[in-house]
Amino acid sequence: MVSETFLRRKNELFGQLKRGGMLTPQLEQAMIDTYGGRGKRALEAIKRHCVIKRGRRWFVQGKADEYEVVRTFCTCRDYVMNVATEKIDADMCYHALAKNICEALNAYYLIEPETKS
């Protein structure tokens, strides 16, 4: 279960992101301090331009696959095995964290129109 302390830190971080409009080295470190390895991997995914917005849908390219992210839900194994089952003190996998950082900054690194099939 996610602790109250964690939720406070997370809300504070995302508030600073939205107010500042940019990801500073201090905010990057605070993200890593709060989310640990997931924070570090999320920042790496952002820097590698792995966050994709197609129409209104968000995707993050992981190591082996592309995952769809809706709010804080992700289709990856880490989310299903650890986040959804509350085995960790975090509310997002790194894919969802990367997407939410980009969304807070209104910065999508690759925008593609949604194709109709």
PDB file of N, CA and C in Angstrom:
ATOM      1  N   MET A   1       0.843  -1.187   0.000  1.00  0.00           N
ATOM      2  CA  MET A   1       0.000   0.000   0.000  1.00  0.00           C
ATOM      3  C   MET A   1       0.884   1.246   0.000  1.00  0.00           C
ATOM      4  N   VAL A   2       0.467   2.241  -0.746  1.00  0.00           N
ATOM      5  CA  VAL A   2       1.223   3.484  -0.857  1.00  0.00           C
ATOM      6  C   VAL A   2       1.030   4.301   0.417  1.00  0.00           C
ATOM      7  N   SER A   3       2.130   4.749   0.998  1.00  0.00           N
ATOM      8  CA  SER A   3       2.073   5.482   2.264  1.00  0.00           C
ATOM      9  C   SER A   3       1.642   6.935   2.058  1.00  0.00           C
ATOM     10  N   GLU A   4       1.148   7.530   3.124  1.00  0.00           N
ATOM     11  CA  GLU A   4       0.763   8.948   3.099  1.00  0.00           C
ATOM     12  C   GLU A   4       1.976   9.827   2.823  1.00  0.00           C
ATOM     13  N   THR A   5       3.113   9.457   3.381  1.00  0.00           N
ATOM     14  CA  THR A   5       4.350  10.212   3.162  1.00  0.00           C
ATOM     15  C   THR A   5       4.704  10.218   1.681  1.00  0.00           C
ATOM     16  N   PHE A   6       4.615   9.054   1.060  1.00  0.00           N
ATOM     17  CA  PHE A   6       4.902   8.948  -0.371  1.00  0.00           C
ATOM     18  C   PHE A   6       3.951   9.837  -1.171  1.00  0.00           C
ATOM     19  N   LEU A   7       2.662   9.760  -0.893  1.00  0.00           N
ATOM     20  CA  LEU A   7       1.677  10.553  -1.633  1.00  0.00           C
ATOM     21  C   LEU A   7       1.914  12.050  -1.476  1.00  0.00           C
ATOM     22  N   ARG A   8       2.304  12.481  -0.277  1.00  0.00           N
ATOM     23  CA  ARG A   8       2.617  13.898  -0.052  1.00  0.00           C
ATOM     24  C   ARG A   8       3.800  14.328  -0.913  1.00  0.00           C
ATOM     25  N   ARG A   9       4.857  13.511  -0.901  1.00  0.00           N
ATOM     26  CA  ARG A   9       6.054  13.826  -1.695  1.00  0.00           C
ATOM     27  C   ARG A   9       5.719  13.872  -3.183  1.00  0.00           C
ATOM     28  N   LYS A  10       4.927  12.907  -3.628  1.00  0.00           N
ATOM     29  CA  LYS A  10       4.541  12.851  -5.039  1.00  0.00           C
ATOM     30  C   LYS A  10       3.743  14.093  -5.434  1.00  0.00           C
ATOM     31  N   ASN A  11       2.734  14.453  -4.643  1.00  0.00           N
ATOM     32  CA  ASN A  11       1.908  15.623  -4.950  1.00  0.00           C
ATOM     33  C   ASN A  11       2.733  16.900  -4.946  1.00  0.00           C
ATOM     34  N   GLU A  12       3.673  16.995  -4.029  1.00  0.00           N
ATOM     35  CA  GLU A  12       4.571  18.143  -3.964  1.00  0.00           C
ATOM     36  C   GLU A  12       5.433  18.217  -5.233  1.00  0.00           C
ATOM     37  N   LEU A  13       5.983  17.082  -5.633  1.00  0.00           N
ATOM     38  CA  LEU A  13       6.825  17.026  -6.835  1.00  0.00           C
ATOM     39  C   LEU A  13       6.065  17.435  -8.087  1.00  0.00           C
ATOM     40  N   PHE A  14       4.885  16.858  -8.282  1.00  0.00           N
ATOM     41  CA  PHE A  14       4.126  17.178  -9.484  1.00  0.00           C
ATOM     42  C   PHE A  14       3.608  18.616  -9.455  1.00  0.00           C
ATOM     43  N   GLY A  15       3.332  19.146  -8.279  1.00  0.00           N
ATOM     44  CA  GLY A  15       2.973  20.558  -8.161  1.00  0.00           C
ATOM     45  C   GLY A  15       4.119  21.453  -8.594  1.00  0.00           C
ATOM     46  N   GLN A  16       5.326  21.128  -8.158  1.00  0.00           N
ATOM     47  CA  GLN A  16       6.515  21.892  -8.557  1.00  0.00           C
ATOM     48  C   GLN A  16       6.754  21.790 -10.058  1.00  0.00           C
ATOM     49  N   LEU A  17       6.556  20.601 -10.614  1.00  0.00           N
ATOM     50  CA  LEU A  17       6.718  20.419 -12.062  1.00  0.00           C
ATOM     51  C   LEU A  17       5.766  21.318 -12.835  1.00  0.00           C
ATOM     52  N   LYS A  18       4.497  21.313 -12.446  1.00  0.00           N
ATOM     53  CA  LYS A  18       3.496  22.113 -13.158  1.00  0.00           C
ATOM     54  C   LYS A  18       3.752  23.606 -13.003  1.00  0.00           C
ATOM     55  N   ARG A  19       4.116  24.018 -11.785  1.00  0.00           N
ATOM     56  CA  ARG A  19       4.376  25.448 -11.553  1.00  0.00           C
ATOM     57  C   ARG A  19       5.624  25.918 -12.282  1.00  0.00           C
ATOM     58  N   GLY A  20       6.677  25.121 -12.236  1.00  0.00           N
ATOM     59  CA  GLY A  20       7.949  25.507 -12.841  1.00  0.00           C
ATOM     60  C   GLY A  20       7.987  25.334 -14.343  1.00  0.00           C
ATOM     61  N   GLY A  21       7.223  24.391 -14.853  1.00  0.00           N
ATOM     62  CA  GLY A  21       7.169  24.178 -16.289  1.00  0.00           C
ATOM     63  C   GLY A  21       8.400  23.529 -16.888  1.00  0.00           C
ATOM     64  N   MET A  22       9.325  23.091 -16.034  1.00  0.00           N
ATOM     65  CA  MET A  22      10.511  22.415 -16.557  1.00  0.00           C
ATOM     66  C   MET A  22      11.076  21.442 -15.537  1.00  0.00           C
ATOM     67  N   LEU A  23      11.827  20.514 -16.035  1.00  0.00           N
ATOM     68  CA  LEU A  23      12.425  19.477 -15.205  1.00  0.00           C
ATOM     69  C   LEU A  23      13.846  19.903 -14.858  1.00  0.00           C
ATOM     70  N   THR A  24      14.028  20.439 -13.673  1.00  0.00           N
ATOM     71  CA  THR A  24      15.342  20.904 -13.228  1.00  0.00           C
ATOM     72  C   THR A  24      16.147  19.738 -12.659  1.00  0.00           C
ATOM     73  N   PRO A  25      17.466  19.899 -12.544  1.00  0.00           N
ATOM     74  CA  PRO A  25      18.272  18.843 -11.909  1.00  0.00           C
ATOM     75  C   PRO A  25      17.795  18.522 -10.488  1.00  0.00           C
ATOM     76  N   GLN A  26      17.327  19.528  -9.762  1.00  0.00           N
ATOM     77  CA  GLN A  26      16.827  19.306  -8.405  1.00  0.00           C
ATOM     78  C   GLN A  26      15.552  18.456  -8.419  1.00  0.00           C
ATOM     79  N   LEU A  27      14.655  18.745  -9.362  1.00  0.00           N
ATOM     80  CA  LEU A  27      13.425  17.952  -9.474  1.00  0.00           C
ATOM     81  C   LEU A  27      13.728  16.535  -9.949  1.00  0.00           C
ATOM     82  N   GLU A  28      14.704  16.402 -10.839  1.00  0.00           N
ATOM     83  CA  GLU A  28      15.109  15.063 -11.274  1.00  0.00           C
ATOM     84  C   GLU A  28      15.594  14.250 -10.081  1.00  0.00           C
ATOM     85  N   GLN A  29      16.434  14.860  -9.248  1.00  0.00           N
ATOM     86  CA  GLN A  29      16.950  14.143  -8.082  1.00  0.00           C
ATOM     87  C   GLN A  29      15.828  13.822  -7.094  1.00  0.00           C
ATOM     88  N   ALA A  30      14.907  14.751  -6.913  1.00  0.00           N
ATOM     89  CA  ALA A  30      13.770  14.507  -6.017  1.00  0.00           C
ATOM     90  C   ALA A  30      12.898  13.369  -6.554  1.00  0.00           C
ATOM     91  N   MET A  31      12.757  13.287  -7.876  1.00  0.00           N
ATOM     92  CA  MET A  31      11.982  12.206  -8.495  1.00  0.00           C
ATOM     93  C   MET A  31      12.669  10.862  -8.225  1.00  0.00           C
ATOM     94  N   ILE A  32      13.985  10.832  -8.342  1.00  0.00           N
ATOM     95  CA  ILE A  32      14.746   9.608  -8.063  1.00  0.00           C
ATOM     96  C   ILE A  32      14.665   9.270  -6.579  1.00  0.00           C
ATOM     97  N   ASP A  33      14.763  10.277  -5.726  1.00  0.00           N
ATOM     98  CA  ASP A  33      14.659  10.037  -4.281  1.00  0.00           C
ATOM     99  C   ASP A  33      13.288   9.469  -3.910  1.00  0.00           C
ATOM    100  N   THR A  34      12.250   9.921  -4.584  1.00  0.00           N
ATOM    101  CA  THR A  34      10.887   9.478  -4.292  1.00  0.00           C
ATOM    102  C   THR A  34      10.573   8.120  -4.914  1.00  0.00           C
ATOM    103  N   TYR A  35      10.944   7.939  -6.177  1.00  0.00           N
ATOM    104  CA  TYR A  35      10.573   6.728  -6.910  1.00  0.00           C
ATOM    105  C   TYR A  35      11.708   5.713  -7.066  1.00  0.00           C
ATOM    106  N   GLY A  36      12.899   6.041  -6.625  1.00  0.00           N
ATOM    107  CA  GLY A  36      14.016   5.106  -6.722  1.00  0.00           C
ATOM    108  C   GLY A  36      14.367   4.787  -8.163  1.00  0.00           C
ATOM    109  N   GLY A  37      14.608   3.508  -8.435  1.00  0.00           N
ATOM    110  CA  GLY A  37      14.974   3.069  -9.781  1.00  0.00           C
ATOM    111  C   GLY A  37      13.918   3.380 -10.816  1.00  0.00           C
ATOM    112  N   ARG A  38      12.664   3.360 -10.425  1.00  0.00           N
ATOM    113  CA  ARG A  38      11.585   3.700 -11.361  1.00  0.00           C
ATOM    114  C   ARG A  38      11.697   5.166 -11.786  1.00  0.00           C
ATOM    115  N   GLY A  39      12.057   6.028 -10.861  1.00  0.00           N
ATOM    116  CA  GLY A  39      12.248   7.435 -11.193  1.00  0.00           C
ATOM    117  C   GLY A  39      13.397   7.626 -12.165  1.00  0.00           C
ATOM    118  N   LYS A  40      14.486   6.933 -11.911  1.00  0.00           N
ATOM    119  CA  LYS A  40      15.656   7.030 -12.789  1.00  0.00           C
ATOM    120  C   LYS A  40      15.324   6.525 -14.192  1.00  0.00           C
ATOM    121  N   ARG A  41      14.637   5.392 -14.286  1.00  0.00           N
ATOM    122  CA  ARG A  41      14.270   4.843 -15.598  1.00  0.00           C
ATOM    123  C   ARG A  41      13.258   5.739 -16.318  1.00  0.00           C
ATOM    124  N   ALA A  42      12.356   6.363 -15.567  1.00  0.00           N
ATOM    125  CA  ALA A  42      11.387   7.283 -16.186  1.00  0.00           C
ATOM    126  C   ALA A  42      12.110   8.470 -16.813  1.00  0.00           C
ATOM    127  N   LEU A  43      13.066   9.032 -16.094  1.00  0.00           N
ATOM    128  CA  LEU A  43      13.822  10.169 -16.620  1.00  0.00           C
ATOM    129  C   LEU A  43      14.636   9.766 -17.844  1.00  0.00           C
ATOM    130  N   GLU A  44      15.206   8.573 -17.813  1.00  0.00           N
ATOM    131  CA  GLU A  44      15.951   8.076 -18.977  1.00  0.00           C
ATOM    132  C   GLU A  44      15.024   7.908 -20.177  1.00  0.00           C
ATOM    133  N   ALA A  45      13.820   7.394 -19.955  1.00  0.00           N
ATOM    134  CA  ALA A  45      12.850   7.219 -21.046  1.00  0.00           C
ATOM    135  C   ALA A  45      12.468   8.571 -21.649  1.00  0.00           C
ATOM    136  N   ILE A  46      12.311   9.573 -20.815  1.00  0.00           N
ATOM    137  CA  ILE A  46      11.980  10.917 -21.303  1.00  0.00           C
ATOM    138  C   ILE A  46      13.126  11.455 -22.148  1.00  0.00           C
ATOM    139  N   LYS A  47      14.339  11.318 -21.659  1.00  0.00           N
ATOM    140  CA  LYS A  47      15.509  11.828 -22.390  1.00  0.00           C
ATOM    141  C   LYS A  47      15.750  11.078 -23.695  1.00  0.00           C
ATOM    142  N   ARG A  48      15.326   9.816 -23.762  1.00  0.00           N
ATOM    143  CA  ARG A  48      15.472   9.022 -24.989  1.00  0.00           C
ATOM    144  C   ARG A  48      14.284   9.219 -25.937  1.00  0.00           C
ATOM    145  N   HIS A  49      13.380  10.128 -25.589  1.00  0.00           N
ATOM    146  CA  HIS A  49      12.200  10.436 -26.416  1.00  0.00           C
ATOM    147  C   HIS A  49      11.296   9.216 -26.601  1.00  0.00           C
ATOM    148  N   CYS A  50      11.099   8.459 -25.542  1.00  0.00           N
ATOM    149  CA  CYS A  50      10.285   7.238 -25.598  1.00  0.00           C
ATOM    150  C   CYS A  50       8.820   7.477 -25.255  1.00  0.00           C
ATOM    151  N   VAL A  51       8.457   8.698 -24.895  1.00  0.00           N
ATOM    152  CA  VAL A  51       7.068   9.004 -24.537  1.00  0.00           C
ATOM    153  C   VAL A  51       6.359   9.501 -25.795  1.00  0.00           C
ATOM    154  N   ILE A  52       5.299   8.819 -26.162  1.00  0.00           N
ATOM    155  CA  ILE A  52       4.610   9.077 -27.427  1.00  0.00           C
ATOM    156  C   ILE A  52       3.141   9.367 -27.141  1.00  0.00           C
ATOM    157  N   LYS A  53       2.622  10.384 -27.805  1.00  0.00           N
ATOM    158  CA  LYS A  53       1.191  10.666 -27.706  1.00  0.00           C
ATOM    159  C   LYS A  53       0.597  10.554 -29.095  1.00  0.00           C
ATOM    160  N   ARG A  54      -0.350   9.646 -29.231  1.00  0.00           N
ATOM    161  CA  ARG A  54      -1.052   9.456 -30.503  1.00  0.00           C
ATOM    162  C   ARG A  54      -2.502   9.851 -30.290  1.00  0.00           C
ATOM    163  N   GLY A  55      -2.877  10.964 -30.844  1.00  0.00           N
ATOM    164  CA  GLY A  55      -4.226  11.470 -30.589  1.00  0.00           C
ATOM    165  C   GLY A  55      -4.357  11.782 -29.111  1.00  0.00           C
ATOM    166  N   ARG A  56      -5.281  11.110 -28.431  1.00  0.00           N
ATOM    167  CA  ARG A  56      -5.450  11.313 -26.986  1.00  0.00           C
ATOM    168  C   ARG A  56      -4.843  10.173 -26.181  1.00  0.00           C
ATOM    169  N   ARG A  57      -4.203   9.225 -26.851  1.00  0.00           N
ATOM    170  CA  ARG A  57      -3.640   8.049 -26.178  1.00  0.00           C
ATOM    171  C   ARG A  57      -2.133   8.208 -25.985  1.00  0.00           C
ATOM    172  N   TRP A  58      -1.654   7.719 -24.838  1.00  0.00           N
ATOM    173  CA  TRP A  58      -0.239   7.803 -24.480  1.00  0.00           C
ATOM    174  C   TRP A  58       0.404   6.428 -24.521  1.00  0.00           C
ATOM    175  N   PHE A  59       1.645   6.397 -24.999  1.00  0.00           N
ATOM    176  CA  PHE A  59       2.427   5.169 -25.048  1.00  0.00           C
ATOM    177  C   PHE A  59       3.850   5.486 -24.609  1.00  0.00           C
ATOM    178  N   VAL A  60       4.498   4.494 -24.016  1.00  0.00           N
ATOM    179  CA  VAL A  60       5.908   4.635 -23.652  1.00  0.00           C
ATOM    180  C   VAL A  60       6.632   3.408 -24.180  1.00  0.00           C
ATOM    181  N   GLN A  61       7.698   3.664 -24.922  1.00  0.00           N
ATOM    182  CA  GLN A  61       8.506   2.575 -25.454  1.00  0.00           C
ATOM    183  C   GLN A  61       9.414   2.067 -24.347  1.00  0.00           C
ATOM    184  N   GLY A  62       9.215   0.821 -23.964  1.00  0.00           N
ATOM    185  CA  GLY A  62      10.059   0.188 -22.959  1.00  0.00           C
ATOM    186  C   GLY A  62      11.229  -0.513 -23.618  1.00  0.00           C
ATOM    187  N   LYS A  63      11.922  -1.341 -22.855  1.00  0.00           N
ATOM    188  CA  LYS A  63      13.080  -2.059 -23.395  1.00  0.00           C
ATOM    189  C   LYS A  63      12.685  -3.024 -24.503  1.00  0.00           C
ATOM    190  N   ALA A  64      11.585  -3.729 -24.321  1.00  0.00           N
ATOM    191  CA  ALA A  64      11.214  -4.768 -25.275  1.00  0.00           C
ATOM    192  C   ALA A  64       9.896  -4.510 -25.989  1.00  0.00           C
ATOM    193  N   ASP A  65       9.095  -3.584 -25.490  1.00  0.00           N
ATOM    194  CA  ASP A  65       7.759  -3.409 -26.042  1.00  0.00           C
ATOM    195  C   ASP A  65       7.289  -1.979 -25.815  1.00  0.00           C
ATOM    196  N   GLU A  66       6.205  -1.625 -26.469  1.00  0.00           N
ATOM    197  CA  GLU A  66       5.573  -0.328 -26.262  1.00  0.00           C
ATOM    198  C   GLU A  66       4.349  -0.558 -25.384  1.00  0.00           C
ATOM    199  N   TYR A  67       4.198   0.281 -24.344  1.00  0.00           N
ATOM    200  CA  TYR A  67       3.125   0.095 -23.375  1.00  0.00           C
ATOM    201  C   TYR A  67       2.173   1.280 -23.412  1.00  0.00           C
ATOM    202  N   GLU A  68       0.882   0.981 -23.331  1.00  0.00           N
ATOM    203  CA  GLU A  68      -0.113   2.045 -23.258  1.00  0.00           C
ATOM    204  C   GLU A  68      -0.290   2.445 -21.801  1.00  0.00           C
ATOM    205  N   VAL A  69      -0.375   3.755 -21.578  1.00  0.00           N
ATOM    206  CA  VAL A  69      -0.534   4.288 -20.228  1.00  0.00           C
ATOM    207  C   VAL A  69      -1.799   5.136 -20.189  1.00  0.00           C
ATOM    208  N   VAL A  70      -2.674   4.822 -19.236  1.00  0.00           N
ATOM    209  CA  VAL A  70      -3.902   5.585 -19.012  1.00  0.00           C
ATOM    210  C   VAL A  70      -3.864   6.049 -17.562  1.00  0.00           C
ATOM    211  N   ARG A  71      -3.764   7.364 -17.375  1.00  0.00           N
ATOM    212  CA  ARG A  71      -3.574   7.955 -16.045  1.00  0.00           C
ATOM    213  C   ARG A  71      -2.339   7.347 -15.399  1.00  0.00           C
ATOM    214  N   THR A  72      -2.516   6.513 -14.371  1.00  0.00           N
ATOM    215  CA  THR A  72      -1.351   5.858 -13.771  1.00  0.00           C
ATOM    216  C   THR A  72      -1.344   4.359 -14.053  1.00  0.00           C
ATOM    217  N   PHE A  73      -2.295   3.876 -14.854  1.00  0.00           N
ATOM    218  CA  PHE A  73      -2.346   2.461 -15.223  1.00  0.00           C
ATOM    219  C   PHE A  73      -1.451   2.223 -16.428  1.00  0.00           C
ATOM    220  N   CYS A  74      -0.724   1.104 -16.405  1.00  0.00           N
ATOM    221  CA  CYS A  74       0.141   0.735 -17.523  1.00  0.00           C
ATOM    222  C   CYS A  74      -0.068  -0.738 -17.839  1.00  0.00           C
ATOM    223  N   THR A  75       0.188  -1.083 -19.071  1.00  0.00           N
ATOM    224  CA  THR A  75       0.022  -2.466 -19.504  1.00  0.00           C
ATOM    225  C   THR A  75       1.272  -3.319 -19.289  1.00  0.00           C
ATOM    226  N   CYS A  76       2.291  -2.786 -18.636  1.00  0.00           N
ATOM    227  CA  CYS A  76       3.539  -3.536 -18.443  1.00  0.00           C
ATOM    228  C   CYS A  76       3.437  -4.535 -17.290  1.00  0.00           C
ATOM    229  N   ARG A  77       4.381  -5.432 -17.266  1.00  0.00           N
ATOM    230  CA  ARG A  77       4.425  -6.481 -16.243  1.00  0.00           C
ATOM    231  C   ARG A  77       4.674  -5.907 -14.841  1.00  0.00           C
ATOM    232  N   ASP A  78       5.559  -4.908 -14.732  1.00  0.00           N
ATOM    233  CA  ASP A  78       5.858  -4.309 -13.425  1.00  0.00           C
ATOM    234  C   ASP A  78       4.596  -3.744 -12.790  1.00  0.00           C
ATOM    235  N   TYR A  79       3.779  -3.075 -13.597  1.00  0.00           N
ATOM    236  CA  TYR A  79       2.540  -2.518 -13.058  1.00  0.00           C
ATOM    237  C   TYR A  79       1.636  -3.637 -12.535  1.00  0.00           C
ATOM    238  N   VAL A  80       1.439  -4.646 -13.356  1.00  0.00           N
ATOM    239  CA  VAL A  80       0.532  -5.743 -12.989  1.00  0.00           C
ATOM    240  C   VAL A  80       1.047  -6.514 -11.774  1.00  0.00           C
ATOM    241  N   MET A  81       2.337  -6.805 -11.746  1.00  0.00           N
ATOM    242  CA  MET A  81       2.908  -7.652 -10.693  1.00  0.00           C
ATOM    243  C   MET A  81       3.206  -6.906  -9.389  1.00  0.00           C
ATOM    244  N   ASN A  82       3.569  -5.629  -9.479  1.00  0.00           N
ATOM    245  CA  ASN A  82       4.024  -4.916  -8.285  1.00  0.00           C
ATOM    246  C   ASN A  82       3.162  -3.727  -7.871  1.00  0.00           C
ATOM    247  N   VAL A  83       2.780  -2.901  -8.828  1.00  0.00           N
ATOM    248  CA  VAL A  83       2.020  -1.694  -8.488  1.00  0.00           C
ATOM    249  C   VAL A  83       0.565  -2.043  -8.161  1.00  0.00           C
ATOM    250  N   ALA A  84      -0.101  -2.758  -9.057  1.00  0.00           N
ATOM    251  CA  ALA A  84      -1.520  -3.096  -8.853  1.00  0.00           C
ATOM    252  C   ALA A  84      -1.736  -3.965  -7.621  1.00  0.00           C
ATOM    253  N   THR A  85      -0.758  -4.795  -7.299  1.00  0.00           N
ATOM    254  CA  THR A  85      -0.876  -5.675  -6.130  1.00  0.00           C
ATOM    255  C   THR A  85      -0.354  -5.017  -4.860  1.00  0.00           C
ATOM    256  N   GLU A  86       0.089  -3.757  -4.984  1.00  0.00           N
ATOM    257  CA  GLU A  86       0.585  -2.950  -3.858  1.00  0.00           C
ATOM    258  C   GLU A  86       1.757  -3.605  -3.129  1.00  0.00           C
ATOM    259  N   LYS A  87       2.621  -4.278  -3.881  1.00  0.00           N
ATOM    260  CA  LYS A  87       3.814  -4.885  -3.285  1.00  0.00           C
ATOM    261  C   LYS A  87       4.908  -3.856  -3.031  1.00  0.00           C
ATOM    262  N   ILE A  88       4.769  -2.688  -3.632  1.00  0.00           N
ATOM    263  CA  ILE A  88       5.786  -1.642  -3.494  1.00  0.00           C
ATOM    264  C   ILE A  88       5.140  -0.357  -2.986  1.00  0.00           C
ATOM    265  N   ASP A  89       5.968   0.523  -2.453  1.00  0.00           N
ATOM    266  CA  ASP A  89       5.484   1.822  -1.976  1.00  0.00           C
ATOM    267  C   ASP A  89       5.615   2.843  -3.106  1.00  0.00           C
ATOM    268  N   ALA A  90       4.900   2.586  -4.194  1.00  0.00           N
ATOM    269  CA  ALA A  90       4.864   3.494  -5.340  1.00  0.00           C
ATOM    270  C   ALA A  90       3.535   3.277  -6.046  1.00  0.00           C
ATOM    271  N   ASP A  91       3.069   4.309  -6.708  1.00  0.00           N
ATOM    272  CA  ASP A  91       1.766   4.228  -7.364  1.00  0.00           C
ATOM    273  C   ASP A  91       1.851   4.099  -8.876  1.00  0.00           C
ATOM    274  N   MET A  92       3.082   4.051  -9.413  1.00  0.00           N
ATOM    275  CA  MET A  92       3.252   3.966 -10.858  1.00  0.00           C
ATOM    276  C   MET A  92       4.507   3.176 -11.205  1.00  0.00           C
ATOM    277  N   CYS A  93       4.468   2.537 -12.361  1.00  0.00           N
ATOM    278  CA  CYS A  93       5.677   1.960 -12.938  1.00  0.00           C
ATOM    279  C   CYS A  93       6.430   3.106 -13.622  1.00  0.00           C
ATOM    280  N   TYR A  94       7.602   2.828 -14.156  1.00  0.00           N
ATOM    281  CA  TYR A  94       8.362   3.924 -14.758  1.00  0.00           C
ATOM    282  C   TYR A  94       7.736   4.433 -16.046  1.00  0.00           C
ATOM    283  N   HIS A  95       7.008   3.597 -16.767  1.00  0.00           N
ATOM    284  CA  HIS A  95       6.339   4.056 -17.991  1.00  0.00           C
ATOM    285  C   HIS A  95       5.283   5.108 -17.652  1.00  0.00           C
ATOM    286  N   ALA A  96       4.451   4.804 -16.657  1.00  0.00           N
ATOM    287  CA  ALA A  96       3.397   5.736 -16.242  1.00  0.00           C
ATOM    288  C   ALA A  96       3.999   7.003 -15.650  1.00  0.00           C
ATOM    289  N   LEU A  97       5.093   6.857 -14.915  1.00  0.00           N
ATOM    290  CA  LEU A  97       5.752   8.023 -14.337  1.00  0.00           C
ATOM    291  C   LEU A  97       6.291   8.930 -15.440  1.00  0.00           C
ATOM    292  N   ALA A  98       6.935   8.351 -16.448  1.00  0.00           N
ATOM    293  CA  ALA A  98       7.455   9.143 -17.570  1.00  0.00           C
ATOM    294  C   ALA A  98       6.321   9.877 -18.282  1.00  0.00           C
ATOM    295  N   LYS A  99       5.222   9.180 -18.522  1.00  0.00           N
ATOM    296  CA  LYS A  99       4.064   9.792 -19.181  1.00  0.00           C
ATOM    297  C   LYS A  99       3.509  10.934 -18.344  1.00  0.00           C
ATOM    298  N   ASN A 100       3.377  10.729 -17.041  1.00  0.00           N
ATOM    299  CA  ASN A 100       2.799  11.757 -16.176  1.00  0.00           C
ATOM    300  C   ASN A 100       3.715  12.964 -16.026  1.00  0.00           C
ATOM    301  N   ILE A 101       5.016  12.758 -16.060  1.00  0.00           N
ATOM    302  CA  ILE A 101       5.955  13.887 -16.041  1.00  0.00           C
ATOM    303  C   ILE A 101       5.776  14.704 -17.318  1.00  0.00           C
ATOM    304  N   CYS A 102       5.762  14.034 -18.467  1.00  0.00           N
ATOM    305  CA  CYS A 102       5.584  14.740 -19.743  1.00  0.00           C
ATOM    306  C   CYS A 102       4.241  15.458 -19.809  1.00  0.00           C
ATOM    307  N   GLU A 103       3.213  14.818 -19.304  1.00  0.00           N
ATOM    308  CA  GLU A 103       1.888  15.438 -19.305  1.00  0.00           C
ATOM    309  C   GLU A 103       1.871  16.676 -18.410  1.00  0.00           C
ATOM    310  N   ALA A 104       2.509  16.602 -17.246  1.00  0.00           N
ATOM    311  CA  ALA A 104       2.558  17.747 -16.331  1.00  0.00           C
ATOM    312  C   ALA A 104       3.303  18.922 -16.960  1.00  0.00           C
ATOM    313  N   LEU A 105       4.304  18.615 -17.765  1.00  0.00           N
ATOM    314  CA  LEU A 105       5.098  19.657 -18.417  1.00  0.00           C
ATOM    315  C   LEU A 105       4.519  20.072 -19.762  1.00  0.00           C
ATOM    316  N   ASN A 106       3.439  19.391 -20.177  1.00  0.00           N
ATOM    317  CA  ASN A 106       2.855  19.624 -21.493  1.00  0.00           C
ATOM    318  C   ASN A 106       3.925  19.473 -22.574  1.00  0.00           C
ATOM    319  N   ALA A 107       4.752  18.429 -22.427  1.00  0.00           N
ATOM    320  CA  ALA A 107       5.871  18.203 -23.335  1.00  0.00           C
ATOM    321  C   ALA A 107       5.844  16.767 -23.836  1.00  0.00           C
ATOM    322  N   TYR A 108       5.324  16.578 -25.020  1.00  0.00           N
ATOM    323  CA  TYR A 108       5.334  15.242 -25.612  1.00  0.00           C
ATOM    324  C   TYR A 108       6.474  15.242 -26.607  1.00  0.00           C
ATOM    325  N   TYR A 109       7.293  14.263 -26.533  1.00  0.00           N
ATOM    326  CA  TYR A 109       8.465  14.236 -27.392  1.00  0.00           C
ATOM    327  C   TYR A 109       8.167  13.764 -28.797  1.00  0.00           C
ATOM    328  N   LEU A 110       7.057  13.107 -28.995  1.00  0.00           N
ATOM    329  CA  LEU A 110       6.667  12.672 -30.327  1.00  0.00           C
ATOM    330  C   LEU A 110       5.152  12.635 -30.367  1.00  0.00           C
ATOM    331  N   ILE A 111       4.585  13.451 -31.217  1.00  0.00           N
ATOM    332  CA  ILE A 111       3.126  13.459 -31.351  1.00  0.00           C
ATOM    333  C   ILE A 111       2.789  12.885 -32.715  1.00  0.00           C
ATOM    334  N   GLU A 112       1.965  11.884 -32.728  1.00  0.00           N
ATOM    335  CA  GLU A 112       1.507  11.288 -33.978  1.00  0.00           C
ATOM    336  C   GLU A 112      -0.011  11.323 -33.980  1.00  0.00           C
ATOM    337  N   PRO A 113      -0.612  11.630 -35.127  1.00  0.00           N
ATOM    338  CA  PRO A 113      -2.078  11.579 -35.161  1.00  0.00           C
ATOM    339  C   PRO A 113      -2.546  10.144 -35.003  1.00  0.00           C
ATOM    340  N   GLU A 114      -3.683   9.991 -34.375  1.00  0.00           N
ATOM    341  CA  GLU A 114      -4.260   8.657 -34.220  1.00  0.00           C
ATOM    342  C   GLU A 114      -4.805   8.221 -35.571  1.00  0.00           C
ATOM    343  N   THR A 115      -4.383   7.052 -36.016  1.00  0.00           N
ATOM    344  CA  THR A 115      -4.841   6.560 -37.314  1.00  0.00           C
ATOM    345  C   THR A 115      -6.130   5.781 -37.142  1.00  0.00           C
ATOM    346  N   LYS A 116      -6.991   5.896 -38.119  1.00  0.00           N
ATOM    347  CA  LYS A 116      -8.263   5.162 -38.083  1.00  0.00           C
ATOM    348  C   LYS A 116      -8.102   3.915 -38.934  1.00  0.00           C
ATOM    349  N   SER A 117      -8.417   2.774 -38.346  1.00  0.00           N
ATOM    350  CA  SER A 117      -8.292   1.517 -39.095  1.00  0.00           C
ATOM    351  C   SER A 117      -9.652   0.955 -39.414  1.00  0.00           C
TER     352      SER A 117
END
